[in-house]
C-alpha atoms as a PDB file:
ATOM      1  CA  MET A   1     146.885-173.496-246.210  1.00  0.00           C
ATOM      2  CA  ASN A   2     147.830-176.513-243.897  1.00  0.00           C
ATOM      3  CA  HIS A   3     146.642-180.028-245.231  1.00  0.00           C
ATOM      4  CA  GLU A   4     145.764-182.560-242.862  1.00  0.00           C
ATOM      5  CA  CYS A   5     145.961-186.516-243.248  1.00  0.00           C
ATOM      6  CA  LYS A   6     142.967-188.274-242.001  1.00  0.00           C
ATOM      7  CA  CYS A   7     143.778-191.399-243.919  1.00  0.00           C
ATOM      8  CA  GLU A   8     144.443-195.236-242.837  1.00  0.00           C
ATOM      9  CA  LYS A   9     147.547-196.603-243.398  1.00  0.00           C
ATOM     10  CA  LYS A  10     146.145-199.361-245.530  1.00  0.00           C
ATOM     11  CA  MET A  11     147.922-200.240-248.640  1.00  0.00           C
ATOM     12  CA  GLY A  12     146.683-197.990-251.844  1.00  0.00           C
ATOM     13  CA  GLU A  13     148.212-197.458-255.201  1.00  0.00           C
ATOM     14  CA  ASN A  14     151.473-198.850-256.489  1.00  0.00           C
ATOM     15  CA  GLY A  15     152.493-200.164-253.052  1.00  0.00           C
ATOM     16  CA  PHE A  16     152.071-196.807-251.559  1.00  0.00           C
ATOM     17  CA  THR A  17     149.662-196.652-248.056  1.00  0.00           C
ATOM     18  CA  GLU A  18     147.159-194.198-248.532  1.00  0.00           C
ATOM     19  CA  LYS A  19     148.383-192.110-246.065  1.00  0.00           C
ATOM     20  CA  GLN A  20     151.614-191.604-247.677  1.00  0.00           C
ATOM     21  CA  TRP A  21     149.365-190.714-251.050  1.00  0.00           C
ATOM     22  CA  CYS A  22     147.692-187.716-248.758  1.00  0.00           C
ATOM     23  CA  GLN A  23     151.042-186.947-247.389  1.00  0.00           C
ATOM     24  CA  ILE A  24     152.071-186.368-250.797  1.00  0.00           C
ATOM     25  CA  ASP A  25     149.044-184.272-251.791  1.00  0.00           C
ATOM     26  CA  GLY A  26     149.817-182.368-248.715  1.00  0.00           C
ATOM     27  CA  VAL A  27     152.831-181.360-250.291  1.00  0.00           C
ATOM     28  CA  ILE A  28     151.605-180.181-253.351  1.00  0.00           C
ATOM     29  CA  GLN A  29     149.074-178.406-251.981  1.00  0.00           C
ATOM     30  CA  LYS A  30     151.650-176.363-249.599  1.00  0.00           C
ATOM     31  CA  PHE A  31     153.098-175.549-252.840  1.00  0.00           C
ATOM     32  CA  LYS A  32     151.193-175.469-255.524  1.00  0.00           C
ATOM     33  CA  ASP A  33     151.466-171.558-256.149  1.00  0.00           C
ATOM     34  CA  LYS A  34     154.590-171.190-255.256  1.00  0.00           C
ATOM     35  CA  PRO A  35     156.969-170.360-258.817  1.00  0.00           C
ATOM     36  CA  GLY A  36     159.936-172.571-258.570  1.00  0.00           C
ATOM     37  CA  ALA A  37     158.730-174.957-255.737  1.00  0.00           C
ATOM     38  CA  LEU A  38     159.534-178.331-257.761  1.00  0.00           C
ATOM     39  CA  ILE A  39     162.760-179.615-256.295  1.00  0.00           C
ATOM     40  CA  PRO A  40     161.920-179.303-252.905  1.00  0.00           C
ATOM     41  CA  VAL A  41     158.316-180.800-253.434  1.00  0.00           C
ATOM     42  CA  LEU A  42     160.453-183.669-254.961  1.00  0.00           C
ATOM     43  CA  GLU A  43     162.746-183.875-252.384  1.00  0.00           C
ATOM     44  CA  GLU A  44     159.764-183.684-249.380  1.00  0.00           C
ATOM     45  CA  ILE A  45     157.345-186.231-251.043  1.00  0.00           C
ATOM     46  CA  GLN A  46     161.305-188.833-251.716  1.00  0.00           C
ATOM     47  CA  GLY A  47     161.512-188.280-247.967  1.00  0.00           C
ATOM     48  CA  ILE A  48     158.197-189.782-247.433  1.00  0.00           C
ATOM     49  CA  THR A  49     158.317-192.181-250.203  1.00  0.00           C
ATOM     50  CA  GLY A  50     161.950-193.029-250.766  1.00  0.00           C
ATOM     51  CA  TYR A  51     161.884-192.443-254.017  1.00  0.00           C
ATOM     52  CA  LEU A  52     160.267-190.911-257.211  1.00  0.00           C
ATOM     53  CA  PRO A  53     158.445-193.474-259.190  1.00  0.00           C
ATOM     54  CA  GLU A  54     156.373-192.279-262.551  1.00  0.00           C
ATOM     55  CA  VAL A  55     153.011-192.741-260.733  1.00  0.00           C
ATOM     56  CA  VAL A  56     154.122-189.970-257.883  1.00  0.00           C
ATOM     57  CA  GLN A  57     155.716-187.752-260.962  1.00  0.00           C
ATOM     58  CA  ARG A  58     152.707-187.798-262.639  1.00  0.00           C
ATOM     59  CA  ARG A  59     150.573-186.684-259.438  1.00  0.00           C
ATOM     60  CA  VAL A  60     153.488-183.801-259.034  1.00  0.00           C
ATOM     61  CA  ALA A  61     152.894-182.569-262.578  1.00  0.00           C
ATOM     62  CA  LEU A  62     149.538-182.628-262.104  1.00  0.00           C
ATOM     63  CA  GLY A  63     149.225-181.394-259.152  1.00  0.00           C
ATOM     64  CA  LEU A  64     152.110-178.492-259.805  1.00  0.00           C
ATOM     65  CA  ASN A  65     150.308-178.089-262.982  1.00  0.00           C
ATOM     66  CA  LEU A  66     153.620-179.141-265.125  1.00  0.00           C
ATOM     67  CA  PRO A  67     154.062-180.592-268.260  1.00  0.00           C
ATOM     68  CA  LEU A  68     155.397-184.852-266.772  1.00  0.00           C
ATOM     69  CA  SER A  69     158.540-183.974-268.561  1.00  0.00           C
ATOM     70  CA  GLN A  70     159.629-181.283-266.885  1.00  0.00           C
ATOM     71  CA  VAL A  71     159.079-183.303-263.604  1.00  0.00           C
ATOM     72  CA  TYR A  72     161.021-186.241-265.473  1.00  0.00           C
ATOM     73  CA  GLY A  73     163.702-184.264-266.170  1.00  0.00           C
ATOM     74  CA  VAL A  74     164.143-183.106-263.120  1.00  0.00           C
ATOM     75  CA  THR A  75     164.047-185.902-261.342  1.00  0.00           C
ATOM     76  CA  THR A  76     166.887-188.063-263.837  1.00  0.00           C
ATOM     77  CA  PHE A  77     168.882-184.585-263.671  1.00  0.00           C
ATOM     78  CA  TYR A  78     169.586-184.398-259.967  1.00  0.00           C
ATOM     79  CA  SER A  79     171.574-187.572-258.501  1.00  0.00           C
ATOM     80  CA  PHE A  80     169.948-187.281-255.004  1.00  0.00           C
ATOM     81  CA  PHE A  81     166.179-188.555-257.000  1.00  0.00           C
ATOM     82  CA  THR A  82     165.463-192.402-257.392  1.00  0.00           C
ATOM     83  CA  MET A  83     162.986-193.370-259.363  1.00  0.00           C
ATOM     84  CA  LYS A  84     163.547-196.842-257.989  1.00  0.00           C
ATOM     85  CA  PRO A  85     163.122-197.885-254.434  1.00  0.00           C
ATOM     86  CA  ARG A  86     166.096-197.486-252.606  1.00  0.00           C
ATOM     87  CA  GLY A  87     167.509-199.816-249.331  1.00  0.00           C
ATOM     88  CA  LYS A  88     167.251-198.295-245.506  1.00  0.00           C
ATOM     89  CA  HIS A  89     170.809-199.014-245.597  1.00  0.00           C
ATOM     90  CA  GLN A  90     172.837-197.593-248.767  1.00  0.00           C
ATOM     91  CA  ILE A  91     176.045-199.551-249.771  1.00  0.00           C
ATOM     92  CA  ARG A  92     178.219-198.200-252.487  1.00  0.00           C
ATOM     93  CA  VAL A  93     181.445-199.901-253.199  1.00  0.00           C
ATOM     94  CA  CYS A  94     184.358-198.497-254.840  1.00  0.00           C
ATOM     95  CA  LEU A  95     185.763-199.506-258.157  1.00  0.00           C
ATOM     96  CA  GLY A  96     187.791-197.036-258.854  1.00  0.00           C
ATOM     97  CA  THR A  97     191.906-198.085-260.143  1.00  0.00           C
ATOM     98  CA  ALA A  98     192.806-198.497-256.274  1.00  0.00           C
ATOM     99  CA  CYS A  99     190.309-199.961-254.766  1.00  0.00           C
ATOM    100  CA  HIS A 100     189.576-202.661-257.964  1.00  0.00           C
ATOM    101  CA  VAL A 101     193.574-203.284-257.658  1.00  0.00           C
ATOM    102  CA  ARG A 102     193.215-203.877-253.578  1.00  0.00           C
ATOM    103  CA  GLY A 103     190.412-206.464-254.454  1.00  0.00           C
ATOM    104  CA  ALA A 104     187.275-204.043-254.610  1.00  0.00           C
ATOM    105  CA  LYS A 105     185.838-206.679-257.426  1.00  0.00           C
ATOM    106  CA  ARG A 106     185.812-209.499-255.120  1.00  0.00           C
ATOM    107  CA  ASN A 107     183.628-207.236-252.358  1.00  0.00           C
ATOM    108  CA  MET A 108     181.334-206.329-254.781  1.00  0.00           C
ATOM    109  CA  GLU A 109     180.477-210.374-255.938  1.00  0.00           C
ATOM    110  CA  HIS A 110     180.620-211.146-252.009  1.00  0.00           C
ATOM    111  CA  LEU A 111     178.082-208.412-251.195  1.00  0.00           C
ATOM    112  CA  MET A 112     175.639-209.440-254.730  1.00  0.00           C
ATOM    113  CA  GLN A 113     175.867-213.395-253.630  1.00  0.00           C
ATOM    114  CA  ALA A 114     175.382-212.460-249.897  1.00  0.00           C
ATOM    115  CA  LEU A 115     172.475-209.615-250.841  1.00  0.00           C
ATOM    116  CA  ASN A 116     171.038-211.726-253.951  1.00  0.00           C
ATOM    117  CA  LEU A 117     171.739-208.135-255.370  1.00  0.00           C
ATOM    118  CA  LYS A 118     173.102-206.739-258.541  1.00  0.00           C
ATOM    119  CA  PRO A 119     173.975-202.640-258.513  1.00  0.00           C
ATOM    120  CA  GLY A 120     171.519-200.443-258.849  1.00  0.00           C
ATOM    121  CA  GLU A 121     168.833-202.948-257.270  1.00  0.00           C
ATOM    122  CA  CYS A 122     167.152-203.418-253.809  1.00  0.00           C
ATOM    123  CA  THR A 123     166.553-206.114-251.082  1.00  0.00           C
ATOM    124  CA  GLU A 124     163.312-207.176-251.278  1.00  0.00           C
ATOM    125  CA  ASP A 125     162.830-206.140-247.573  1.00  0.00           C
ATOM    126  CA  ARG A 126     164.018-202.586-248.779  1.00  0.00           C
ATOM    127  CA  GLN A 127     167.277-203.027-246.070  1.00  0.00           C
ATOM    128  CA  PHE A 128     169.921-202.911-248.034  1.00  0.00           C
ATOM    129  CA  SER A 129     170.734-200.894-251.812  1.00  0.00           C
ATOM    130  CA  LEU A 130     174.103-201.980-253.786  1.00  0.00           C
ATOM    131  CA  ASP A 131     175.805-199.415-255.996  1.00  0.00           C
ATOM    132  CA  VAL A 132     178.892-198.821-258.229  1.00  0.00           C
ATOM    133  CA  VAL A 133     180.928-195.666-257.384  1.00  0.00           C
ATOM    134  CA  ARG A 134     184.281-194.853-259.361  1.00  0.00           C
ATOM    135  CA  CYS A 135     185.848-193.340-257.191  1.00  0.00           C
ATOM    136  CA  LEU A 136     185.307-192.299-253.369  1.00  0.00           C
ATOM    137  CA  GLY A 137     188.096-190.183-253.231  1.00  0.00           C
ATOM    138  CA  ALA A 138     190.130-192.397-250.560  1.00  0.00           C
ATOM    139  CA  CYS A 139     192.734-194.473-252.657  1.00  0.00           C
ATOM    140  CA  GLY A 140     194.807-194.645-249.591  1.00  0.00           C
ATOM    141  CA  LEU A 141     192.457-196.253-247.703  1.00  0.00           C
ATOM    142  CA  ALA A 142     191.584-199.099-250.476  1.00  0.00           C
ATOM    143  CA  PRO A 143     189.418-200.972-250.867  1.00  0.00           C
ATOM    144  CA  VAL A 144     186.498-198.671-249.688  1.00  0.00           C
ATOM    145  CA  MET A 145     182.912-199.078-249.105  1.00  0.00           C
ATOM    146  CA  VAL A 146     180.603-196.360-248.052  1.00  0.00           C
ATOM    147  CA  VAL A 147     177.231-197.535-245.916  1.00  0.00           C
ATOM    148  CA  ASP A 148     175.344-195.007-245.703  1.00  0.00           C
ATOM    149  CA  ASP A 149     177.725-192.143-244.091  1.00  0.00           C
ATOM    150  CA  ASP A 150     180.148-194.620-242.522  1.00  0.00           C
ATOM    151  CA  THR A 151     183.039-195.534-244.968  1.00  0.00           C
ATOM    152  CA  HIS A 152     184.899-198.763-244.233  1.00  0.00           C
ATOM    153  CA  LYS A 153     188.330-199.045-245.419  1.00  0.00           C
ATOM    154  CA  GLN A 154     190.739-201.867-246.409  1.00  0.00           C
ATOM    155  CA  VAL A 155     187.374-203.673-246.707  1.00  0.00           C
ATOM    156  CA  LYS A 156     188.416-207.414-246.841  1.00  0.00           C
ATOM    157  CA  GLU A 157     186.081-210.431-248.169  1.00  0.00           C
ATOM    158  CA  ALA A 158     186.067-211.972-245.270  1.00  0.00           C
ATOM    159  CA  LYS A 159     184.743-209.208-243.020  1.00  0.00           C
ATOM    160  CA  LEU A 160     181.718-208.423-245.277  1.00  0.00           C
ATOM    161  CA  ASP A 161     179.068-210.388-243.072  1.00  0.00           C
ATOM    162  CA  GLN A 162     180.486-208.830-239.904  1.00  0.00           C
ATOM    163  CA  ILE A 163     179.844-205.327-241.670  1.00  0.00           C
ATOM    164  CA  LEU A 164     176.915-206.016-242.710  1.00  0.00           C
ATOM    165  CA  LYS A 165     175.147-207.243-239.843  1.00  0.00           C
ATOM    166  CA  LYS A 166     175.765-204.201-237.850  1.00  0.00           C
ATOM    167  CA  TYR A 167     173.239-202.713-240.336  1.00  0.00           C
ATOM    168  CA  GLU A 168     170.860-205.453-240.079  1.00  0.00           C
ATOM    169  CA  GLY A 169     167.462-205.497-238.109  1.00  0.00           C
ATOM    170  CA  GLY A 170     167.430-201.669-237.686  1.00  0.00           C
ATOM    171  CA  SER A 171     170.606-200.981-236.292  1.00  0.00           C
ATOM    172  CA  ASP A 172     172.396-197.486-237.892  1.00  0.00           C
ATOM    173  CA  GLY A 173     175.962-199.194-237.879  1.00  0.00           C
ATOM    174  CA  ASN A 174     176.635-196.632-234.929  1.00  0.00           C
ATOM    175  CA  GLY A 175     179.436-194.599-236.744  1.00  0.00           C
ATOM    176  CA  SER A 176     181.807-194.665-239.464  1.00  0.00           C
ATOM    177  CA  GLU A 177     185.454-196.792-239.191  1.00  0.00           C
ATOM    178  CA  VAL A 178     187.453-194.485-240.618  1.00  0.00           C
END
């Protein structure tokens, strides 16, 4: 069954547009009677909304006739799902031993101040998310941070603002430094 969305773009429930809610319902409808469809449904919906808050999980549970606990369990088990909004650009700062020794803590403090964020948060304009990771497997390049899919090596605090500017205003950062 093809679910066509004829919704307007005005804001609906919980900050999502009516069009997004219509798209969510379309995804649910497309997979409604397919066993084992929960993960693909959550993946598609996260692609629409950017994250999976409780209100979305409830809608999925109701639409797929599953217990909310099952939807929540899958959402929280897999690391690629998130219940918090994420920014367009995801910044991951390695605080593993090699990176920590070479200044990653100062880098993290600088980013927290520059973006007015704590790890795990997203800027109000949803441009940036900031996360801590324990190892990126690039210890020889320490300190390392990753923005989206771009790995930045031997990052010095003085270069952080310049790196951020590459991603501001809708830019994709234009490639990796490694």
